[in-house]
Amino acid sequence: MEKIWFQNYPEGAEKYLDTSKYESILDIFNKAIREHPDRPAYINMGQVLTFRKLEERSRAFAAYLQNEFKLKRGDRVALMMPNLLQYPIALFGILRAGLIVVNVNPLYTPRELEHQLQDSGAVAIVVVSNFASTLEKVVLIRM
């Protein structure tokens, strides 16, 4: 099968990654930060997020989760977001804090969301305001 996305890779970019060299996705992320701090990590709607900025913001978010919400290593955090630049910041922040990411489809119905949260054991959720009404309905159901 032809992998047409390779034509969009920057010159010199690895096409295949030997994942056996890394213990976690954070190891891969940290390598990218060290080797390419000022290169784009993500681009969305014309906005660029470099690896350096992503690291700074994800570390700040990790500290926020630990200090303000008192979340502890191993706690599960649901992430209910579409593909926005905030997603990788939240994702890597959660992982940096030693927490477990529970991806939640932002298009879930309240019933689906309730089951996902219950089954996963999530103790916190990061949600984009556009989808907060679904979460609100779940909270009202539980009251």
N, C-alpha and C. Protein backbone atom coordinates (compact mmCIF):
# COMPACT_ATOMS: atom_id res chain seq x y z
N MET A 1 0.85 -1.18 0.00
CA MET A 1 0.00 0.00 0.00
C MET A 1 0.90 1.24 0.00
N GLU A 2 0.56 2.18 -0.86
CA GLU A 2 1.32 3.42 -0.95
C GLU A 2 0.96 4.32 0.24
N LYS A 3 1.97 4.86 0.87
CA LYS A 3 1.77 5.74 2.02
C LYS A 3 1.96 7.19 1.56
N ILE A 4 0.89 7.75 1.01
CA ILE A 4 0.96 9.07 0.38
C ILE A 4 1.29 10.19 1.36
N TRP A 5 1.07 9.97 2.66
CA TRP A 5 1.37 11.02 3.64
C TRP A 5 2.86 11.28 3.77
N PHE A 6 3.70 10.30 3.34
CA PHE A 6 5.14 10.50 3.41
C PHE A 6 5.57 11.72 2.60
N GLN A 7 4.86 12.02 1.52
CA GLN A 7 5.24 13.16 0.68
C GLN A 7 5.11 14.49 1.42
N ASN A 8 4.37 14.51 2.52
CA ASN A 8 4.20 15.73 3.31
C ASN A 8 5.19 15.84 4.46
N TYR A 9 6.01 14.81 4.66
CA TYR A 9 6.99 14.84 5.75
C TYR A 9 8.10 15.83 5.40
N PRO A 10 8.60 16.58 6.37
CA PRO A 10 9.75 17.45 6.10
C PRO A 10 10.97 16.62 5.73
N GLU A 11 11.86 17.22 4.97
CA GLU A 11 13.08 16.52 4.58
C GLU A 11 13.85 16.10 5.82
N GLY A 12 14.30 14.85 5.83
CA GLY A 12 15.06 14.34 6.96
C GLY A 12 14.22 13.74 8.07
N ALA A 13 12.91 13.86 7.98
CA ALA A 13 12.04 13.30 9.01
C ALA A 13 12.03 11.78 8.92
N GLU A 14 12.04 11.13 10.08
CA GLU A 14 11.98 9.67 10.11
C GLU A 14 10.60 9.21 9.62
N LYS A 15 10.61 8.22 8.75
CA LYS A 15 9.34 7.69 8.25
C LYS A 15 8.84 6.57 9.15
N TYR A 16 9.75 5.88 9.79
CA TYR A 16 9.39 4.80 10.70
C TYR A 16 10.12 5.01 12.02
N LEU A 17 9.45 4.73 13.09
CA LEU A 17 10.00 4.95 14.42
C LEU A 17 10.16 3.61 15.12
N ASP A 18 11.37 3.32 15.57
CA ASP A 18 11.61 2.09 16.33
C ASP A 18 11.14 2.32 17.76
N THR A 19 9.93 1.91 18.04
CA THR A 19 9.33 2.17 19.36
C THR A 19 9.99 1.38 20.48
N SER A 20 10.78 0.36 20.14
CA SER A 20 11.44 -0.43 21.19
C SER A 20 12.52 0.38 21.92
N LYS A 21 12.91 1.51 21.35
CA LYS A 21 13.92 2.37 21.98
C LYS A 21 13.35 3.23 23.10
N TYR A 22 12.04 3.25 23.24
CA TYR A 22 11.38 4.16 24.17
C TYR A 22 10.50 3.39 25.16
N GLU A 23 10.40 3.93 26.36
CA GLU A 23 9.54 3.32 27.37
C GLU A 23 8.12 3.86 27.31
N SER A 24 7.96 5.08 26.83
CA SER A 24 6.63 5.68 26.81
C SER A 24 6.56 6.75 25.73
N ILE A 25 5.35 7.22 25.50
CA ILE A 25 5.16 8.31 24.54
C ILE A 25 5.87 9.58 25.03
N LEU A 26 6.00 9.73 26.35
CA LEU A 26 6.72 10.90 26.87
C LEU A 26 8.20 10.86 26.49
N ASP A 27 8.79 9.67 26.42
CA ASP A 27 10.18 9.57 25.98
C ASP A 27 10.33 10.07 24.54
N ILE A 28 9.39 9.70 23.69
CA ILE A 28 9.42 10.15 22.29
C ILE A 28 9.24 11.67 22.23
N PHE A 29 8.31 12.17 23.02
CA PHE A 29 8.04 13.61 23.08
C PHE A 29 9.27 14.36 23.57
N ASN A 30 9.91 13.88 24.63
CA ASN A 30 11.09 14.55 25.18
C ASN A 30 12.25 14.56 24.19
N LYS A 31 12.38 13.49 23.41
CA LYS A 31 13.42 13.46 22.37
C LYS A 31 13.15 14.54 21.33
N ALA A 32 11.91 14.68 20.92
CA ALA A 32 11.55 15.71 19.94
C ALA A 32 11.83 17.10 20.49
N ILE A 33 11.57 17.31 21.77
CA ILE A 33 11.83 18.61 22.39
C ILE A 33 13.32 18.92 22.37
N ARG A 34 14.14 17.92 22.73
CA ARG A 34 15.59 18.12 22.75
C ARG A 34 16.14 18.40 21.35
N GLU A 35 15.67 17.64 20.38
CA GLU A 35 16.25 17.71 19.04
C GLU A 35 15.66 18.80 18.15
N HIS A 36 14.40 19.17 18.40
CA HIS A 36 13.72 20.12 17.51
C HIS A 36 12.86 21.11 18.29
N PRO A 37 13.40 21.81 19.26
CA PRO A 37 12.56 22.65 20.12
C PRO A 37 11.78 23.74 19.40
N ASP A 38 12.32 24.26 18.32
CA ASP A 38 11.65 25.37 17.64
C ASP A 38 10.91 24.96 16.37
N ARG A 39 10.83 23.67 16.14
CA ARG A 39 10.07 23.19 14.98
C ARG A 39 8.60 23.02 15.35
N PRO A 40 7.73 23.11 14.39
CA PRO A 40 6.30 22.93 14.68
C PRO A 40 6.00 21.51 15.16
N ALA A 41 5.30 21.41 16.27
CA ALA A 41 4.81 20.12 16.75
C ALA A 41 3.41 19.90 16.19
N TYR A 42 2.63 20.97 16.20
CA TYR A 42 1.24 20.93 15.70
C TYR A 42 0.92 22.24 15.00
N ILE A 43 0.10 22.14 13.98
CA ILE A 43 -0.41 23.32 13.28
C ILE A 43 -1.92 23.13 13.16
N ASN A 44 -2.67 24.15 13.55
CA ASN A 44 -4.13 24.07 13.48
C ASN A 44 -4.67 25.43 13.11
N MET A 45 -5.42 25.49 12.02
CA MET A 45 -6.06 26.73 11.57
C MET A 45 -5.07 27.89 11.49
N GLY A 46 -3.88 27.59 10.99
CA GLY A 46 -2.86 28.61 10.80
C GLY A 46 -2.04 28.93 12.04
N GLN A 47 -2.40 28.38 13.18
CA GLN A 47 -1.64 28.59 14.42
C GLN A 47 -0.61 27.48 14.57
N VAL A 48 0.61 27.85 14.96
CA VAL A 48 1.70 26.90 15.11
C VAL A 48 2.04 26.75 16.59
N LEU A 49 2.20 25.52 17.01
CA LEU A 49 2.64 25.22 18.37
C LEU A 49 3.95 24.46 18.26
N THR A 50 5.06 25.10 18.67
CA THR A 50 6.37 24.45 18.58
C THR A 50 6.52 23.45 19.72
N PHE A 51 7.51 22.58 19.58
CA PHE A 51 7.78 21.62 20.65
C PHE A 51 8.12 22.33 21.96
N ARG A 52 8.87 23.43 21.87
CA ARG A 52 9.23 24.18 23.07
C ARG A 52 7.98 24.72 23.78
N LYS A 53 7.10 25.35 23.01
CA LYS A 53 5.86 25.91 23.60
C LYS A 53 4.98 24.80 24.15
N LEU A 54 4.91 23.70 23.43
CA LEU A 54 4.12 22.57 23.90
C LEU A 54 4.67 22.04 25.22
N GLU A 55 5.98 21.96 25.32
CA GLU A 55 6.58 21.51 26.58
C GLU A 55 6.24 22.48 27.71
N GLU A 56 6.45 23.77 27.48
CA GLU A 56 6.18 24.78 28.52
C GLU A 56 4.73 24.71 28.99
N ARG A 57 3.81 24.66 28.04
CA ARG A 57 2.39 24.68 28.40
C ARG A 57 1.94 23.36 29.03
N SER A 58 2.48 22.25 28.55
CA SER A 58 2.09 20.97 29.14
C SER A 58 2.65 20.83 30.56
N ARG A 59 3.86 21.35 30.79
CA ARG A 59 4.40 21.33 32.16
C ARG A 59 3.57 22.21 33.09
N ALA A 60 3.16 23.36 32.61
CA ALA A 60 2.32 24.25 33.43
C ALA A 60 0.98 23.58 33.73
N PHE A 61 0.41 22.90 32.75
CA PHE A 61 -0.86 22.22 32.97
C PHE A 61 -0.70 21.06 33.94
N ALA A 62 0.41 20.34 33.84
CA ALA A 62 0.69 19.24 34.77
C ALA A 62 0.76 19.77 36.20
N ALA A 63 1.47 20.87 36.39
CA ALA A 63 1.58 21.47 37.72
C ALA A 63 0.21 21.92 38.23
N TYR A 64 -0.59 22.47 37.35
CA TYR A 64 -1.94 22.91 37.71
C TYR A 64 -2.78 21.73 38.20
N LEU A 65 -2.72 20.63 37.48
CA LEU A 65 -3.49 19.45 37.88
C LEU A 65 -3.05 18.92 39.24
N GLN A 66 -1.75 18.95 39.47
CA GLN A 66 -1.22 18.43 40.74
C GLN A 66 -1.46 19.39 41.90
N ASN A 67 -1.23 20.67 41.67
CA ASN A 67 -1.29 21.65 42.76
C ASN A 67 -2.69 22.15 43.06
N GLU A 68 -3.47 22.40 42.03
CA GLU A 68 -4.81 22.96 42.25
C GLU A 68 -5.87 21.88 42.47
N PHE A 69 -5.76 20.79 41.74
CA PHE A 69 -6.76 19.73 41.86
C PHE A 69 -6.30 18.58 42.74
N LYS A 70 -5.03 18.63 43.15
CA LYS A 70 -4.48 17.61 44.05
C LYS A 70 -4.58 16.20 43.46
N LEU A 71 -4.47 16.11 42.15
CA LEU A 71 -4.51 14.80 41.52
C LEU A 71 -3.19 14.09 41.79
N LYS A 72 -3.27 12.77 41.96
CA LYS A 72 -2.10 11.98 42.31
C LYS A 72 -1.78 10.97 41.21
N ARG A 73 -0.51 10.59 41.17
CA ARG A 73 -0.03 9.62 40.19
C ARG A 73 -1.01 8.44 40.12
N GLY A 74 -1.39 8.11 38.88
CA GLY A 74 -2.30 6.99 38.68
C GLY A 74 -3.77 7.37 38.59
N ASP A 75 -4.11 8.60 38.98
CA ASP A 75 -5.50 9.05 38.83
C ASP A 75 -5.83 9.11 37.34
N ARG A 76 -7.08 8.86 37.04
CA ARG A 76 -7.54 8.89 35.65
C ARG A 76 -8.23 10.22 35.35
N VAL A 77 -7.84 10.82 34.23
CA VAL A 77 -8.40 12.10 33.81
C VAL A 77 -8.99 11.93 32.42
N ALA A 78 -10.29 12.19 32.30
CA ALA A 78 -10.95 12.11 31.00
C ALA A 78 -10.60 13.36 30.18
N LEU A 79 -10.42 13.16 28.90
CA LEU A 79 -10.06 14.23 27.98
C LEU A 79 -11.11 14.24 26.88
N MET A 80 -12.02 15.22 26.96
CA MET A 80 -13.17 15.30 26.04
C MET A 80 -12.99 16.52 25.14
N MET A 81 -12.13 16.34 24.13
CA MET A 81 -11.78 17.46 23.27
C MET A 81 -11.67 17.03 21.82
N PRO A 82 -12.03 17.91 20.89
CA PRO A 82 -11.78 17.63 19.48
C PRO A 82 -10.31 17.93 19.17
N ASN A 83 -9.94 17.82 17.91
CA ASN A 83 -8.57 18.08 17.49
C ASN A 83 -8.30 19.58 17.45
N LEU A 84 -7.87 20.10 18.57
CA LEU A 84 -7.48 21.51 18.72
C LEU A 84 -6.08 21.55 19.29
N LEU A 85 -5.44 22.70 19.25
CA LEU A 85 -4.09 22.82 19.83
C LEU A 85 -4.09 22.59 21.33
N GLN A 86 -5.22 22.78 21.98
CA GLN A 86 -5.29 22.54 23.42
C GLN A 86 -5.20 21.05 23.75
N TYR A 87 -5.58 20.21 22.80
CA TYR A 87 -5.57 18.77 23.06
C TYR A 87 -4.18 18.25 23.41
N PRO A 88 -3.14 18.46 22.59
CA PRO A 88 -1.83 17.93 22.97
C PRO A 88 -1.27 18.56 24.24
N ILE A 89 -1.62 19.81 24.51
CA ILE A 89 -1.19 20.44 25.76
C ILE A 89 -1.78 19.68 26.94
N ALA A 90 -3.08 19.42 26.87
CA ALA A 90 -3.75 18.68 27.94
C ALA A 90 -3.23 17.25 28.01
N LEU A 91 -3.11 16.59 26.87
CA LEU A 91 -2.64 15.21 26.83
C LEU A 91 -1.28 15.06 27.50
N PHE A 92 -0.30 15.85 27.04
CA PHE A 92 1.04 15.72 27.59
C PHE A 92 1.12 16.25 29.02
N GLY A 93 0.29 17.21 29.37
CA GLY A 93 0.23 17.68 30.75
C GLY A 93 -0.25 16.58 31.68
N ILE A 94 -1.28 15.88 31.27
CA ILE A 94 -1.81 14.77 32.06
C ILE A 94 -0.74 13.69 32.22
N LEU A 95 -0.10 13.33 31.13
CA LEU A 95 0.94 12.30 31.19
C LEU A 95 2.13 12.73 32.03
N ARG A 96 2.55 14.00 31.89
CA ARG A 96 3.68 14.51 32.68
C ARG A 96 3.40 14.47 34.18
N ALA A 97 2.14 14.63 34.53
CA ALA A 97 1.75 14.61 35.95
C ALA A 97 1.66 13.18 36.49
N GLY A 98 1.91 12.19 35.63
CA GLY A 98 1.84 10.81 36.08
C GLY A 98 0.42 10.27 36.14
N LEU A 99 -0.46 10.94 35.43
CA LEU A 99 -1.87 10.57 35.43
C LEU A 99 -2.18 9.72 34.20
N ILE A 100 -3.35 9.14 34.18
CA ILE A 100 -3.76 8.28 33.08
C ILE A 100 -4.81 9.00 32.23
N VAL A 101 -4.57 9.06 30.94
CA VAL A 101 -5.50 9.72 30.01
C VAL A 101 -6.63 8.76 29.64
N VAL A 102 -7.84 9.26 29.76
CA VAL A 102 -9.03 8.54 29.29
C VAL A 102 -9.63 9.38 28.17
N ASN A 103 -9.39 8.98 26.93
CA ASN A 103 -9.95 9.74 25.81
C ASN A 103 -11.45 9.51 25.74
N VAL A 104 -12.18 10.60 25.59
CA VAL A 104 -13.63 10.56 25.53
C VAL A 104 -14.06 11.29 24.26
N ASN A 105 -14.89 10.67 23.48
CA ASN A 105 -15.39 11.27 22.25
C ASN A 105 -16.24 12.50 22.59
N PRO A 106 -15.89 13.67 22.09
CA PRO A 106 -16.69 14.86 22.41
C PRO A 106 -18.10 14.83 21.84
N LEU A 107 -18.37 13.88 20.96
CA LEU A 107 -19.71 13.77 20.38
C LEU A 107 -20.58 12.73 21.10
N TYR A 108 -20.07 12.19 22.20
CA TYR A 108 -20.88 11.25 22.97
C TYR A 108 -22.18 11.88 23.44
N THR A 109 -23.19 11.06 23.57
CA THR A 109 -24.44 11.49 24.20
C THR A 109 -24.20 11.48 25.71
N PRO A 110 -25.06 12.13 26.48
CA PRO A 110 -24.90 12.08 27.94
C PRO A 110 -24.84 10.64 28.47
N ARG A 111 -25.67 9.77 27.93
CA ARG A 111 -25.68 8.38 28.38
C ARG A 111 -24.33 7.71 28.11
N GLU A 112 -23.79 7.90 26.91
CA GLU A 112 -22.50 7.31 26.56
C GLU A 112 -21.39 7.88 27.44
N LEU A 113 -21.42 9.18 27.65
CA LEU A 113 -20.40 9.82 28.49
C LEU A 113 -20.46 9.29 29.91
N GLU A 114 -21.67 9.17 30.44
CA GLU A 114 -21.81 8.66 31.81
C GLU A 114 -21.18 7.27 31.94
N HIS A 115 -21.46 6.40 30.99
CA HIS A 115 -20.88 5.05 31.03
C HIS A 115 -19.36 5.08 30.90
N GLN A 116 -18.85 5.92 30.02
CA GLN A 116 -17.40 6.03 29.83
C GLN A 116 -16.72 6.49 31.11
N LEU A 117 -17.28 7.50 31.74
CA LEU A 117 -16.69 8.02 32.98
C LEU A 117 -16.77 6.99 34.09
N GLN A 118 -17.89 6.32 34.18
CA GLN A 118 -18.08 5.32 35.22
C GLN A 118 -17.14 4.13 35.01
N ASP A 119 -17.10 3.62 33.80
CA ASP A 119 -16.26 2.46 33.50
C ASP A 119 -14.77 2.75 33.67
N SER A 120 -14.36 3.95 33.33
CA SER A 120 -12.93 4.30 33.36
C SER A 120 -12.43 4.64 34.75
N GLY A 121 -13.33 5.07 35.63
CA GLY A 121 -12.90 5.50 36.95
C GLY A 121 -12.27 6.88 36.95
N ALA A 122 -12.57 7.67 35.92
CA ALA A 122 -12.01 9.03 35.85
C ALA A 122 -12.45 9.85 37.06
N VAL A 123 -11.49 10.58 37.63
CA VAL A 123 -11.78 11.44 38.79
C VAL A 123 -11.85 12.91 38.39
N ALA A 124 -11.48 13.20 37.15
CA ALA A 124 -11.53 14.58 36.64
C ALA A 124 -11.75 14.51 35.14
N ILE A 125 -12.18 15.64 34.58
CA ILE A 125 -12.40 15.70 33.13
C ILE A 125 -11.97 17.06 32.61
N VAL A 126 -11.32 17.06 31.46
CA VAL A 126 -10.97 18.28 30.74
C VAL A 126 -11.90 18.30 29.54
N VAL A 127 -12.71 19.36 29.44
CA VAL A 127 -13.71 19.42 28.38
C VAL A 127 -13.72 20.82 27.76
N VAL A 128 -13.87 20.87 26.46
CA VAL A 128 -14.00 22.15 25.76
C VAL A 128 -15.42 22.66 26.03
N SER A 129 -15.54 23.95 26.24
CA SER A 129 -16.83 24.53 26.63
C SER A 129 -17.96 24.19 25.64
N ASN A 130 -17.63 23.99 24.37
CA ASN A 130 -18.65 23.64 23.37
C ASN A 130 -19.38 22.35 23.73
N PHE A 131 -18.73 21.48 24.50
CA PHE A 131 -19.30 20.18 24.83
C PHE A 131 -19.67 20.07 26.31
N ALA A 132 -19.59 21.17 27.02
CA ALA A 132 -19.87 21.16 28.45
C ALA A 132 -21.33 20.82 28.76
N SER A 133 -22.23 21.12 27.85
CA SER A 133 -23.65 20.83 28.11
C SER A 133 -23.88 19.33 28.25
N THR A 134 -23.13 18.53 27.52
CA THR A 134 -23.24 17.07 27.65
C THR A 134 -22.79 16.64 29.04
N LEU A 135 -21.67 17.19 29.48
CA LEU A 135 -21.17 16.87 30.82
C LEU A 135 -22.16 17.34 31.88
N GLU A 136 -22.73 18.51 31.69
CA GLU A 136 -23.69 19.06 32.64
C GLU A 136 -24.87 18.10 32.82
N LYS A 137 -25.35 17.51 31.75
CA LYS A 137 -26.46 16.57 31.83
C LYS A 137 -26.07 15.32 32.62
N VAL A 138 -24.83 14.88 32.47
CA VAL A 138 -24.35 13.72 33.22
C VAL A 138 -24.28 14.05 34.71
N VAL A 139 -23.78 15.23 35.03
CA VAL A 139 -23.68 15.65 36.43
C VAL A 139 -25.07 15.74 37.04
N LEU A 140 -26.02 16.27 36.31
CA LEU A 140 -27.40 16.37 36.81
C LEU A 140 -28.02 14.99 37.02
N ILE A 141 -27.70 14.04 36.16
CA ILE A 141 -28.20 12.67 36.30
C ILE A 141 -27.70 12.06 37.60
N ARG A 142 -26.44 12.33 37.94
CA ARG A 142 -25.82 11.74 39.12
C ARG A 142 -26.28 12.39 40.43
N MET A 143 -26.91 13.55 40.36
CA MET A 143 -27.29 14.26 41.59
C MET A 143 -28.57 13.73 42.18
